[in-house]
Amino acid sequence: MQRLKYFLIRRARATKAELQPLGEFTPGGSSLSIRAHLFVARIDQIGVSDPLEGIEEAQAYPVADVERLIGDGVIIDGFTMALFLRARLRQLI
């Protein structure tokens, strides 16, 4: 988990990060061959993005905005929706 924390701090340009594990997720439906570990991260700031790393802009959104974007079909990827659902059910966001 320490490597993940370092990676997050480097990418977000934060000075500190706290990670809360949310368990595993498999996007493959009935196939369990692909698994990902989900985490909620709390960081102290979001720094300037680096386009050379493929990140044009990083920004925080209010929870209500994310709910609306999921409901409107703007956010459609399974990883994000699984992460958001688990974090909401555990009252972490």
PDB file of N, CA and C in Angstrom:
ATOM      1  N   MET A   1       0.831  -1.189   0.000  1.00  0.00           N
ATOM      2  CA  MET A   1       0.000   0.000   0.000  1.00  0.00           C
ATOM      3  C   MET A   1       0.878   1.256   0.000  1.00  0.00           C
ATOM      4  N   GLN A   2       2.090   1.156   0.503  1.00  0.00           N
ATOM      5  CA  GLN A   2       2.999   2.305   0.529  1.00  0.00           C
ATOM      6  C   GLN A   2       3.367   2.753  -0.882  1.00  0.00           C
ATOM      7  N   ARG A   3       3.577   1.796  -1.797  1.00  0.00           N
ATOM      8  CA  ARG A   3       3.884   2.145  -3.192  1.00  0.00           C
ATOM      9  C   ARG A   3       2.719   2.878  -3.842  1.00  0.00           C
ATOM     10  N   LEU A   4       1.502   2.421  -3.559  1.00  0.00           N
ATOM     11  CA  LEU A   4       0.313   3.064  -4.100  1.00  0.00           C
ATOM     12  C   LEU A   4       0.191   4.493  -3.573  1.00  0.00           C
ATOM     13  N   LYS A   5       0.466   4.678  -2.305  1.00  0.00           N
ATOM     14  CA  LYS A   5       0.407   6.006  -1.692  1.00  0.00           C
ATOM     15  C   LYS A   5       1.433   6.939  -2.360  1.00  0.00           C
ATOM     16  N   TYR A   6       2.647   6.445  -2.558  1.00  0.00           N
ATOM     17  CA  TYR A   6       3.684   7.240  -3.220  1.00  0.00           C
ATOM     18  C   TYR A   6       3.265   7.610  -4.641  1.00  0.00           C
ATOM     19  N   PHE A   7       2.722   6.639  -5.376  1.00  0.00           N
ATOM     20  CA  PHE A   7       2.269   6.869  -6.744  1.00  0.00           C
ATOM     21  C   PHE A   7       1.179   7.944  -6.774  1.00  0.00           C
ATOM     22  N   LEU A   8       0.238   7.864  -5.856  1.00  0.00           N
ATOM     23  CA  LEU A   8      -0.855   8.827  -5.797  1.00  0.00           C
ATOM     24  C   LEU A   8      -0.332  10.228  -5.478  1.00  0.00           C
ATOM     25  N   ILE A   9       0.570  10.326  -4.538  1.00  0.00           N
ATOM     26  CA  ILE A   9       1.132  11.627  -4.185  1.00  0.00           C
ATOM     27  C   ILE A   9       1.887  12.215  -5.376  1.00  0.00           C
ATOM     28  N   ARG A  10       2.634  11.392  -6.058  1.00  0.00           N
ATOM     29  CA  ARG A  10       3.388  11.869  -7.225  1.00  0.00           C
ATOM     30  C   ARG A  10       2.462  12.331  -8.343  1.00  0.00           C
ATOM     31  N   ARG A  11       1.440  11.532  -8.640  1.00  0.00           N
ATOM     32  CA  ARG A  11       0.522  11.874  -9.742  1.00  0.00           C
ATOM     33  C   ARG A  11      -0.370  13.070  -9.417  1.00  0.00           C
ATOM     34  N   ALA A  12      -0.872  13.152  -8.197  1.00  0.00           N
ATOM     35  CA  ALA A  12      -1.789  14.236  -7.829  1.00  0.00           C
ATOM     36  C   ALA A  12      -1.038  15.475  -7.365  1.00  0.00           C
ATOM     37  N   ARG A  13       0.271  15.335  -7.173  1.00  0.00           N
ATOM     38  CA  ARG A  13       1.086  16.426  -6.657  1.00  0.00           C
ATOM     39  C   ARG A  13       0.631  16.843  -5.255  1.00  0.00           C
ATOM     40  N   ALA A  14       0.122  15.875  -4.507  1.00  0.00           N
ATOM     41  CA  ALA A  14      -0.289  16.116  -3.122  1.00  0.00           C
ATOM     42  C   ALA A  14       0.924  15.963  -2.213  1.00  0.00           C
ATOM     43  N   THR A  15       0.797  16.423  -0.970  1.00  0.00           N
ATOM     44  CA  THR A  15       1.894  16.248  -0.022  1.00  0.00           C
ATOM     45  C   THR A  15       1.624  15.104   0.946  1.00  0.00           C
ATOM     46  N   LYS A  16       0.364  14.704   1.069  1.00  0.00           N
ATOM     47  CA  LYS A  16       0.044  13.530   1.884  1.00  0.00           C
ATOM     48  C   LYS A  16      -1.228  12.882   1.356  1.00  0.00           C
ATOM     49  N   ALA A  17      -1.354  11.577   1.638  1.00  0.00           N
ATOM     50  CA  ALA A  17      -2.509  10.814   1.167  1.00  0.00           C
ATOM     51  C   ALA A  17      -2.872   9.753   2.194  1.00  0.00           C
ATOM     52  N   GLU A  18      -4.160   9.487   2.294  1.00  0.00           N
ATOM     53  CA  GLU A  18      -4.679   8.432   3.165  1.00  0.00           C
ATOM     54  C   GLU A  18      -5.517   7.505   2.290  1.00  0.00           C
ATOM     55  N   LEU A  19      -5.268   6.207   2.377  1.00  0.00           N
ATOM     56  CA  LEU A  19      -5.987   5.240   1.541  1.00  0.00           C
ATOM     57  C   LEU A  19      -6.884   4.360   2.398  1.00  0.00           C
ATOM     58  N   GLN A  20      -8.092   4.115   1.900  1.00  0.00           N
ATOM     59  CA  GLN A  20      -9.043   3.224   2.553  1.00  0.00           C
ATOM     60  C   GLN A  20      -9.386   2.119   1.559  1.00  0.00           C
ATOM     61  N   PRO A  21      -8.987   0.859   1.813  1.00  0.00           N
ATOM     62  CA  PRO A  21      -9.312  -0.219   0.878  1.00  0.00           C
ATOM     63  C   PRO A  21     -10.814  -0.506   0.830  1.00  0.00           C
ATOM     64  N   LEU A  22     -11.306  -0.774  -0.381  1.00  0.00           N
ATOM     65  CA  LEU A  22     -12.722  -1.079  -0.585  1.00  0.00           C
ATOM     66  C   LEU A  22     -12.949  -2.476  -1.141  1.00  0.00           C
ATOM     67  N   GLY A  23     -11.911  -3.284  -1.230  1.00  0.00           N
ATOM     68  CA  GLY A  23     -12.066  -4.646  -1.713  1.00  0.00           C
ATOM     69  C   GLY A  23     -11.758  -4.782  -3.190  1.00  0.00           C
ATOM     70  N   GLU A  24     -12.055  -5.954  -3.719  1.00  0.00           N
ATOM     71  CA  GLU A  24     -11.762  -6.264  -5.119  1.00  0.00           C
ATOM     72  C   GLU A  24     -12.962  -5.998  -6.015  1.00  0.00           C
ATOM     73  N   PHE A  25     -12.663  -5.845  -7.302  1.00  0.00           N
ATOM     74  CA  PHE A  25     -13.685  -5.638  -8.321  1.00  0.00           C
ATOM     75  C   PHE A  25     -13.247  -6.392  -9.566  1.00  0.00           C
ATOM     76  N   THR A  26     -14.184  -7.040 -10.228  1.00  0.00           N
ATOM     77  CA  THR A  26     -13.887  -7.685 -11.501  1.00  0.00           C
ATOM     78  C   THR A  26     -14.853  -7.133 -12.555  1.00  0.00           C
ATOM     79  N   PRO A  27     -14.311  -6.520 -13.602  1.00  0.00           N
ATOM     80  CA  PRO A  27     -15.174  -5.936 -14.627  1.00  0.00           C
ATOM     81  C   PRO A  27     -15.660  -6.943 -15.656  1.00  0.00           C
ATOM     82  N   GLY A  28     -15.184  -8.185 -15.569  1.00  0.00           N
ATOM     83  CA  GLY A  28     -15.452  -9.155 -16.618  1.00  0.00           C
ATOM     84  C   GLY A  28     -16.742  -9.938 -16.484  1.00  0.00           C
ATOM     85  N   GLY A  29     -17.700  -9.487 -15.697  1.00  0.00           N
ATOM     86  CA  GLY A  29     -18.950 -10.232 -15.554  1.00  0.00           C
ATOM     87  C   GLY A  29     -18.713 -11.572 -14.891  1.00  0.00           C
ATOM     88  N   SER A  30     -19.012 -12.639 -15.607  1.00  0.00           N
ATOM     89  CA  SER A  30     -18.862 -13.975 -15.023  1.00  0.00           C
ATOM     90  C   SER A  30     -17.404 -14.435 -14.989  1.00  0.00           C
ATOM     91  N   SER A  31     -16.537 -13.765 -15.741  1.00  0.00           N
ATOM     92  CA  SER A  31     -15.120 -14.120 -15.728  1.00  0.00           C
ATOM     93  C   SER A  31     -14.447 -13.419 -14.557  1.00  0.00           C
ATOM     94  N   LEU A  32     -13.821 -14.184 -13.697  1.00  0.00           N
ATOM     95  CA  LEU A  32     -13.153 -13.616 -12.538  1.00  0.00           C
ATOM     96  C   LEU A  32     -11.644 -13.494 -12.751  1.00  0.00           C
ATOM     97  N   SER A  33     -11.203 -13.609 -14.007  1.00  0.00           N
ATOM     98  CA  SER A  33      -9.769 -13.606 -14.280  1.00  0.00           C
ATOM     99  C   SER A  33      -9.144 -12.222 -14.121  1.00  0.00           C
ATOM    100  N   ILE A  34      -9.914 -11.164 -14.298  1.00  0.00           N
ATOM    101  CA  ILE A  34      -9.398  -9.807 -14.133  1.00  0.00           C
ATOM    102  C   ILE A  34      -9.925  -9.265 -12.809  1.00  0.00           C
ATOM    103  N   ARG A  35      -9.014  -8.894 -11.933  1.00  0.00           N
ATOM    104  CA  ARG A  35      -9.403  -8.344 -10.640  1.00  0.00           C
ATOM    105  C   ARG A  35      -8.617  -7.071 -10.379  1.00  0.00           C
ATOM    106  N   ALA A  36      -9.285  -6.122  -9.762  1.00  0.00           N
ATOM    107  CA  ALA A  36      -8.634  -4.873  -9.375  1.00  0.00           C
ATOM    108  C   ALA A  36      -8.969  -4.603  -7.918  1.00  0.00           C
ATOM    109  N   HIS A  37      -8.039  -4.004  -7.210  1.00  0.00           N
ATOM    110  CA  HIS A  37      -8.282  -3.593  -5.830  1.00  0.00           C
ATOM    111  C   HIS A  37      -8.739  -2.142  -5.858  1.00  0.00           C
ATOM    112  N   LEU A  38      -9.826  -1.849  -5.171  1.00  0.00           N
ATOM    113  CA  LEU A  38     -10.381  -0.497  -5.137  1.00  0.00           C
ATOM    114  C   LEU A  38     -10.016   0.185  -3.823  1.00  0.00           C
ATOM    115  N   PHE A  39      -9.728   1.487  -3.901  1.00  0.00           N
ATOM    116  CA  PHE A  39      -9.388   2.288  -2.736  1.00  0.00           C
ATOM    117  C   PHE A  39     -10.055   3.646  -2.834  1.00  0.00           C
ATOM    118  N   VAL A  40     -10.413   4.210  -1.693  1.00  0.00           N
ATOM    119  CA  VAL A  40     -10.758   5.616  -1.610  1.00  0.00           C
ATOM    120  C   VAL A  40      -9.502   6.316  -1.134  1.00  0.00           C
ATOM    121  N   ALA A  41      -9.172   7.413  -1.777  1.00  0.00           N
ATOM    122  CA  ALA A  41      -7.995   8.184  -1.390  1.00  0.00           C
ATOM    123  C   ALA A  41      -8.419   9.568  -0.929  1.00  0.00           C
ATOM    124  N   ARG A  42      -7.866   9.973   0.183  1.00  0.00           N
ATOM    125  CA  ARG A  42      -8.043  11.351   0.657  1.00  0.00           C
ATOM    126  C   ARG A  42      -6.683  12.023   0.552  1.00  0.00           C
ATOM    127  N   ILE A  43      -6.646  13.117  -0.227  1.00  0.00           N
ATOM    128  CA  ILE A  43      -5.396  13.847  -0.408  1.00  0.00           C
ATOM    129  C   ILE A  43      -5.598  15.287   0.043  1.00  0.00           C
ATOM    130  N   ASP A  44      -4.500  15.949   0.367  1.00  0.00           N
ATOM    131  CA  ASP A  44      -4.591  17.306   0.889  1.00  0.00           C
ATOM    132  C   ASP A  44      -4.710  18.363  -0.194  1.00  0.00           C
ATOM    133  N   GLN A  45      -4.327  18.043  -1.420  1.00  0.00           N
ATOM    134  CA  GLN A  45      -4.430  19.010  -2.514  1.00  0.00           C
ATOM    135  C   GLN A  45      -4.276  18.289  -3.844  1.00  0.00           C
ATOM    136  N   ILE A  46      -4.698  18.961  -4.907  1.00  0.00           N
ATOM    137  CA  ILE A  46      -4.455  18.479  -6.264  1.00  0.00           C
ATOM    138  C   ILE A  46      -3.581  19.525  -6.926  1.00  0.00           C
ATOM    139  N   GLY A  47      -2.397  19.120  -7.312  1.00  0.00           N
ATOM    140  CA  GLY A  47      -1.462  20.052  -7.937  1.00  0.00           C
ATOM    141  C   GLY A  47      -1.691  20.163  -9.431  1.00  0.00           C
ATOM    142  N   VAL A  48      -0.783  20.830 -10.091  1.00  0.00           N
ATOM    143  CA  VAL A  48      -0.851  21.031 -11.540  1.00  0.00           C
ATOM    144  C   VAL A  48      -0.616  19.696 -12.245  1.00  0.00           C
ATOM    145  N   SER A  49      -1.457  19.402 -13.221  1.00  0.00           N
ATOM    146  CA  SER A  49      -1.347  18.150 -13.978  1.00  0.00           C
ATOM    147  C   SER A  49      -0.176  18.202 -14.946  1.00  0.00           C
ATOM    148  N   ASP A  50       0.274  17.029 -15.352  1.00  0.00           N
ATOM    149  CA  ASP A  50       1.366  16.908 -16.310  1.00  0.00           C
ATOM    150  C   ASP A  50       0.831  16.259 -17.579  1.00  0.00           C
ATOM    151  N   PRO A  51       0.634  17.038 -18.645  1.00  0.00           N
ATOM    152  CA  PRO A  51       0.101  16.474 -19.893  1.00  0.00           C
ATOM    153  C   PRO A  51       0.966  15.348 -20.460  1.00  0.00           C
ATOM    154  N   LEU A  52       2.267  15.340 -20.160  1.00  0.00           N
ATOM    155  CA  LEU A  52       3.147  14.282 -20.651  1.00  0.00           C
ATOM    156  C   LEU A  52       2.805  12.932 -20.023  1.00  0.00           C
ATOM    157  N   GLU A  53       2.103  12.940 -18.866  1.00  0.00           N
ATOM    158  CA  GLU A  53       1.673  11.696 -18.229  1.00  0.00           C
ATOM    159  C   GLU A  53       0.255  11.311 -18.664  1.00  0.00           C
ATOM    160  N   GLY A  54      -0.308  12.046 -19.621  1.00  0.00           N
ATOM    161  CA  GLY A  54      -1.631  11.725 -20.132  1.00  0.00           C
ATOM    162  C   GLY A  54      -2.766  12.281 -19.289  1.00  0.00           C
ATOM    163  N   ILE A  55      -2.453  13.182 -18.380  1.00  0.00           N
ATOM    164  CA  ILE A  55      -3.477  13.788 -17.527  1.00  0.00           C
ATOM    165  C   ILE A  55      -3.585  15.261 -17.911  1.00  0.00           C
ATOM    166  N   GLU A  56      -4.687  15.619 -18.568  1.00  0.00           N
ATOM    167  CA  GLU A  56      -4.858  17.009 -18.981  1.00  0.00           C
ATOM    168  C   GLU A  56      -5.202  17.905 -17.803  1.00  0.00           C
ATOM    169  N   GLU A  57      -6.133  17.436 -16.951  1.00  0.00           N
ATOM    170  CA  GLU A  57      -6.544  18.231 -15.798  1.00  0.00           C
ATOM    171  C   GLU A  57      -7.119  17.302 -14.739  1.00  0.00           C
ATOM    172  N   ALA A  58      -6.719  17.504 -13.509  1.00  0.00           N
ATOM    173  CA  ALA A  58      -7.279  16.756 -12.377  1.00  0.00           C
ATOM    174  C   ALA A  58      -8.015  17.746 -11.497  1.00  0.00           C
ATOM    175  N   GLN A  59      -9.237  17.401 -11.128  1.00  0.00           N
ATOM    176  CA  GLN A  59      -9.993  18.280 -10.254  1.00  0.00           C
ATOM    177  C   GLN A  59     -10.957  17.461  -9.414  1.00  0.00           C
ATOM    178  N   ALA A  60     -11.320  18.014  -8.280  1.00  0.00           N
ATOM    179  CA  ALA A  60     -12.285  17.371  -7.381  1.00  0.00           C
ATOM    180  C   ALA A  60     -13.700  17.805  -7.761  1.00  0.00           C
ATOM    181  N   TYR A  61     -14.646  16.884  -7.577  1.00  0.00           N
ATOM    182  CA  TYR A  61     -16.047  17.178  -7.837  1.00  0.00           C
ATOM    183  C   TYR A  61     -16.855  16.903  -6.580  1.00  0.00           C
ATOM    184  N   PRO A  62     -17.875  17.707  -6.313  1.00  0.00           N
ATOM    185  CA  PRO A  62     -18.778  17.393  -5.199  1.00  0.00           C
ATOM    186  C   PRO A  62     -19.482  16.054  -5.458  1.00  0.00           C
ATOM    187  N   VAL A  63     -19.776  15.338  -4.394  1.00  0.00           N
ATOM    188  CA  VAL A  63     -20.427  14.024  -4.509  1.00  0.00           C
ATOM    189  C   VAL A  63     -21.720  14.125  -5.308  1.00  0.00           C
ATOM    190  N   ALA A  64     -22.509  15.148  -5.075  1.00  0.00           N
ATOM    191  CA  ALA A  64     -23.782  15.306  -5.795  1.00  0.00           C
ATOM    192  C   ALA A  64     -23.560  15.422  -7.303  1.00  0.00           C
ATOM    193  N   ASP A  65     -22.490  16.090  -7.718  1.00  0.00           N
ATOM    194  CA  ASP A  65     -22.182  16.206  -9.148  1.00  0.00           C
ATOM    195  C   ASP A  65     -21.817  14.847  -9.739  1.00  0.00           C
ATOM    196  N   VAL A  66     -21.045  14.058  -9.002  1.00  0.00           N
ATOM    197  CA  VAL A  66     -20.671  12.722  -9.489  1.00  0.00           C
ATOM    198  C   VAL A  66     -21.915  11.848  -9.601  1.00  0.00           C
ATOM    199  N   GLU A  67     -22.806  11.921  -8.620  1.00  0.00           N
ATOM    200  CA  GLU A  67     -24.064  11.162  -8.698  1.00  0.00           C
ATOM    201  C   GLU A  67     -24.851  11.537  -9.938  1.00  0.00           C
ATOM    202  N   ARG A  68     -24.925  12.830 -10.228  1.00  0.00           N
ATOM    203  CA  ARG A  68     -25.654  13.289 -11.406  1.00  0.00           C
ATOM    204  C   ARG A  68     -24.989  12.797 -12.685  1.00  0.00           C
ATOM    205  N   LEU A  69     -23.660  12.863 -12.748  1.00  0.00           N
ATOM    206  CA  LEU A  69     -22.935  12.406 -13.939  1.00  0.00           C
ATOM    207  C   LEU A  69     -23.112  10.908 -14.170  1.00  0.00           C
ATOM    208  N   ILE A  70     -23.170  10.135 -13.101  1.00  0.00           N
ATOM    209  CA  ILE A  70     -23.446   8.699 -13.242  1.00  0.00           C
ATOM    210  C   ILE A  70     -24.881   8.489 -13.709  1.00  0.00           C
ATOM    211  N   GLY A  71     -25.814   9.178 -13.069  1.00  0.00           N
ATOM    212  CA  GLY A  71     -27.225   9.053 -13.432  1.00  0.00           C
ATOM    213  C   GLY A  71     -27.528   9.484 -14.854  1.00  0.00           C
ATOM    214  N   ASP A  72     -26.816  10.501 -15.342  1.00  0.00           N
ATOM    215  CA  ASP A  72     -27.025  11.008 -16.703  1.00  0.00           C
ATOM    216  C   ASP A  72     -26.279  10.193 -17.759  1.00  0.00           C
ATOM    217  N   GLY A  73     -25.514   9.192 -17.333  1.00  0.00           N
ATOM    218  CA  GLY A  73     -24.792   8.359 -18.285  1.00  0.00           C
ATOM    219  C   GLY A  73     -23.511   8.984 -18.807  1.00  0.00           C
ATOM    220  N   VAL A  74     -23.013  10.022 -18.138  1.00  0.00           N
ATOM    221  CA  VAL A  74     -21.753  10.632 -18.549  1.00  0.00           C
ATOM    222  C   VAL A  74     -20.583   9.779 -18.044  1.00  0.00           C
ATOM    223  N   ILE A  75     -20.652   9.383 -16.777  1.00  0.00           N
ATOM    224  CA  ILE A  75     -19.672   8.442 -16.230  1.00  0.00           C
ATOM    225  C   ILE A  75     -20.240   7.045 -16.443  1.00  0.00           C
ATOM    226  N   ILE A  76     -19.530   6.226 -17.235  1.00  0.00           N
ATOM    227  CA  ILE A  76     -20.083   4.917 -17.585  1.00  0.00           C
ATOM    228  C   ILE A  76     -19.139   3.753 -17.297  1.00  0.00           C
ATOM    229  N   ASP A  77     -17.902   4.047 -16.843  1.00  0.00           N
ATOM    230  CA  ASP A  77     -16.986   2.924 -16.654  1.00  0.00           C
ATOM    231  C   ASP A  77     -17.257   2.204 -15.342  1.00  0.00           C
ATOM    232  N   GLY A  78     -17.148   0.888 -15.403  1.00  0.00           N
ATOM    233  CA  GLY A  78     -17.476   0.030 -14.266  1.00  0.00           C
ATOM    234  C   GLY A  78     -16.612   0.252 -13.046  1.00  0.00           C
ATOM    235  N   PHE A  79     -15.326   0.545 -13.243  1.00  0.00           N
ATOM    236  CA  PHE A  79     -14.444   0.771 -12.104  1.00  0.00           C
ATOM    237  C   PHE A  79     -14.909   1.972 -11.281  1.00  0.00           C
ATOM    238  N   THR A  80     -15.188   3.069 -11.965  1.00  0.00           N
ATOM    239  CA  THR A  80     -15.615   4.283 -11.267  1.00  0.00           C
ATOM    240  C   THR A  80     -16.941   4.071 -10.557  1.00  0.00           C
ATOM    241  N   MET A  81     -17.892   3.417 -11.224  1.00  0.00           N
ATOM    242  CA  MET A  81     -19.204   3.222 -10.607  1.00  0.00           C
ATOM    243  C   MET A  81     -19.128   2.265  -9.420  1.00  0.00           C
ATOM    244  N   ALA A  82     -18.324   1.213  -9.532  1.00  0.00           N
ATOM    245  CA  ALA A  82     -18.153   0.281  -8.407  1.00  0.00           C
ATOM    246  C   ALA A  82     -17.486   0.978  -7.233  1.00  0.00           C
ATOM    247  N   LEU A  83     -16.462   1.741  -7.515  1.00  0.00           N
ATOM    248  CA  LEU A  83     -15.766   2.482  -6.463  1.00  0.00           C
ATOM    249  C   LEU A  83     -16.707   3.465  -5.778  1.00  0.00           C
ATOM    250  N   PHE A  84     -17.452   4.218  -6.560  1.00  0.00           N
ATOM    251  CA  PHE A  84     -18.366   5.209  -6.006  1.00  0.00           C
ATOM    252  C   PHE A  84     -19.445   4.541  -5.146  1.00  0.00           C
ATOM    253  N   LEU A  85     -20.023   3.465  -5.642  1.00  0.00           N
ATOM    254  CA  LEU A  85     -21.065   2.762  -4.896  1.00  0.00           C
ATOM    255  C   LEU A  85     -20.541   2.233  -3.563  1.00  0.00           C
ATOM    256  N   ARG A  86     -19.402   1.591  -3.589  1.00  0.00           N
ATOM    257  CA  ARG A  86     -18.847   1.050  -2.341  1.00  0.00           C
ATOM    258  C   ARG A  86     -18.509   2.149  -1.346  1.00  0.00           C
ATOM    259  N   ALA A  87     -17.957   3.237  -1.836  1.00  0.00           N
ATOM    260  CA  ALA A  87     -17.620   4.349  -0.946  1.00  0.00           C
ATOM    261  C   ALA A  87     -18.878   4.974  -0.338  1.00  0.00           C
ATOM    262  N   ARG A  88     -19.948   5.096  -1.126  1.00  0.00           N
ATOM    263  CA  ARG A  88     -21.217   5.646  -0.619  1.00  0.00           C
ATOM    264  C   ARG A  88     -21.841   4.691   0.402  1.00  0.00           C
ATOM    265  N   LEU A  89     -21.866   3.402   0.102  1.00  0.00           N
ATOM    266  CA  LEU A  89     -22.468   2.444   1.027  1.00  0.00           C
ATOM    267  C   LEU A  89     -21.738   2.392   2.357  1.00  0.00           C
ATOM    268  N   ARG A  90     -20.452   2.651   2.342  1.00  0.00           N
ATOM    269  CA  ARG A  90     -19.668   2.665   3.577  1.00  0.00           C
ATOM    270  C   ARG A  90     -19.608   4.050   4.210  1.00  0.00           C
ATOM    271  N   GLN A  91     -20.351   4.982   3.619  1.00  0.00           N
ATOM    272  CA  GLN A  91     -20.434   6.355   4.117  1.00  0.00           C
ATOM    273  C   GLN A  91     -19.062   7.032   4.211  1.00  0.00           C
ATOM    274  N   LEU A  92     -18.215   6.747   3.220  1.00  0.00           N
ATOM    275  CA  LEU A  92     -16.895   7.371   3.153  1.00  0.00           C
ATOM    276  C   LEU A  92     -16.910   8.666   2.336  1.00  0.00           C
ATOM    277  N   ILE A  93     -17.951   8.811   1.530  1.00  0.00           N
ATOM    278  CA  ILE A  93     -18.123  10.046   0.753  1.00  0.00           C
ATOM    279  C   ILE A  93     -19.558  10.516   0.884  1.00  0.00           C
TER     280      ILE A  93
END
